């Protein structure tokens, strides 16, 4: 198992999750936990659906989606703290 190849294969899931969860912050400058939850739920359901179809199922993609979600929450908290300090 090549670690770099596995990492490169799951990066699109990480960036898709992080990017889609950041849209409320970029567009309306507000944190929308419900929106983030729907995005992550949809991406996880899509990934799990691949397990029962003929497409490629990868547990690393699920981990990348969860890490992207956690990264988004961390970024939101950092931005929220900066706004409170000003």
Protein backbone atom coordinates (compact mmCIF):
# COMPACT_ATOMS: atom_id res chain seq x y z
CA UNK A 1 0.00 0.00 0.00
CA UNK A 2 1.51 3.29 -1.12
CA UNK A 3 0.84 6.03 1.43
CA UNK A 4 1.28 8.93 -0.98
CA UNK A 5 -1.06 7.35 -3.52
CA UNK A 6 -3.70 6.76 -0.83
CA UNK A 7 -3.35 10.34 0.39
CA UNK A 8 -3.73 11.75 -3.12
CA UNK A 9 -6.80 9.57 -3.73
CA UNK A 10 -8.65 10.87 -0.66
CA UNK A 11 -7.70 14.57 -0.96
CA UNK A 12 -10.62 15.39 -3.30
CA UNK A 13 -13.07 14.23 -0.61
CA UNK A 14 -11.28 16.34 2.00
CA UNK A 15 -11.25 19.48 -0.15
CA UNK A 16 -14.85 19.00 -1.32
CA UNK A 17 -16.06 18.74 2.26
CA UNK A 18 -13.98 21.67 3.49
CA UNK A 19 -14.94 23.85 0.52
CA UNK A 20 -18.66 23.13 0.69
CA UNK A 21 -18.73 23.69 4.45
CA UNK A 22 -16.94 27.03 4.00
CA UNK A 23 -19.51 28.43 1.55
CA UNK A 24 -21.75 29.94 4.26
CA UNK A 25 -18.72 31.70 5.77
CA UNK A 26 -17.61 33.05 2.40
CA UNK A 27 -21.04 34.06 1.06
CA UNK A 28 -23.02 35.34 4.07
CA UNK A 29 -20.27 35.56 6.71
CA UNK A 30 -22.21 33.35 9.12
CA UNK A 31 -21.72 29.92 10.55
CA UNK A 32 -24.45 27.51 9.56
CA UNK A 33 -24.05 24.29 11.51
CA UNK A 34 -27.16 22.79 9.90
CA UNK A 35 -25.80 23.47 6.42
CA UNK A 36 -22.50 21.88 7.35
CA UNK A 37 -24.34 18.87 8.76
CA UNK A 38 -26.36 18.41 5.56
CA UNK A 39 -23.23 18.70 3.40
CA UNK A 40 -21.34 16.12 5.45
CA UNK A 41 -24.35 13.81 5.65
CA UNK A 42 -24.82 13.96 1.89
CA UNK A 43 -21.18 13.26 1.18
CA UNK A 44 -21.11 10.36 3.65
CA UNK A 45 -24.30 8.87 2.20
CA UNK A 46 -22.86 9.16 -1.30
CA UNK A 47 -19.66 7.43 -0.20
CA UNK A 48 -21.54 4.65 1.63
CA UNK A 49 -23.81 4.13 -1.39
CA UNK A 50 -20.75 3.19 -3.41
CA UNK A 51 -20.31 0.16 -1.15
CA UNK A 52 -23.52 -1.40 -2.51
CA UNK A 53 -23.06 -0.44 -6.15
CA UNK A 54 -20.32 -1.23 -8.63
CA UNK A 55 -18.40 1.95 -7.84
CA UNK A 56 -15.26 2.25 -5.74
CA UNK A 57 -15.79 2.33 -1.98
CA UNK A 58 -12.90 3.65 0.08
CA UNK A 59 -12.80 4.01 3.85
CA UNK A 60 -10.09 6.66 3.48
CA UNK A 61 -12.62 8.88 1.70
CA UNK A 62 -14.94 8.62 4.70
CA UNK A 63 -12.07 9.56 7.00
CA UNK A 64 -11.19 12.48 4.70
CA UNK A 65 -14.80 13.72 4.77
CA UNK A 66 -14.83 13.66 8.57
CA UNK A 67 -11.45 15.40 8.76
CA UNK A 68 -12.66 18.05 6.30
CA UNK A 69 -15.70 18.65 8.48
CA UNK A 70 -13.56 18.99 11.61
CA UNK A 71 -11.20 21.35 9.77
CA UNK A 72 -14.16 23.51 8.74
CA UNK A 73 -15.39 23.71 12.33
CA UNK A 74 -11.90 24.70 13.48
CA UNK A 75 -11.67 27.45 10.86
CA UNK A 76 -15.13 28.76 11.82
CA UNK A 77 -14.10 28.91 15.48
CA UNK A 78 -10.91 30.79 14.60
CA UNK A 79 -12.87 33.34 12.53
CA UNK A 80 -15.46 33.68 15.28
CA UNK A 81 -12.76 34.41 17.88
CA UNK A 82 -11.18 37.03 15.61
CA UNK A 83 -14.54 38.77 15.16
CA UNK A 84 -15.12 38.86 18.90
CA UNK A 85 -11.71 40.42 19.54
CA UNK A 86 -12.32 43.36 17.22
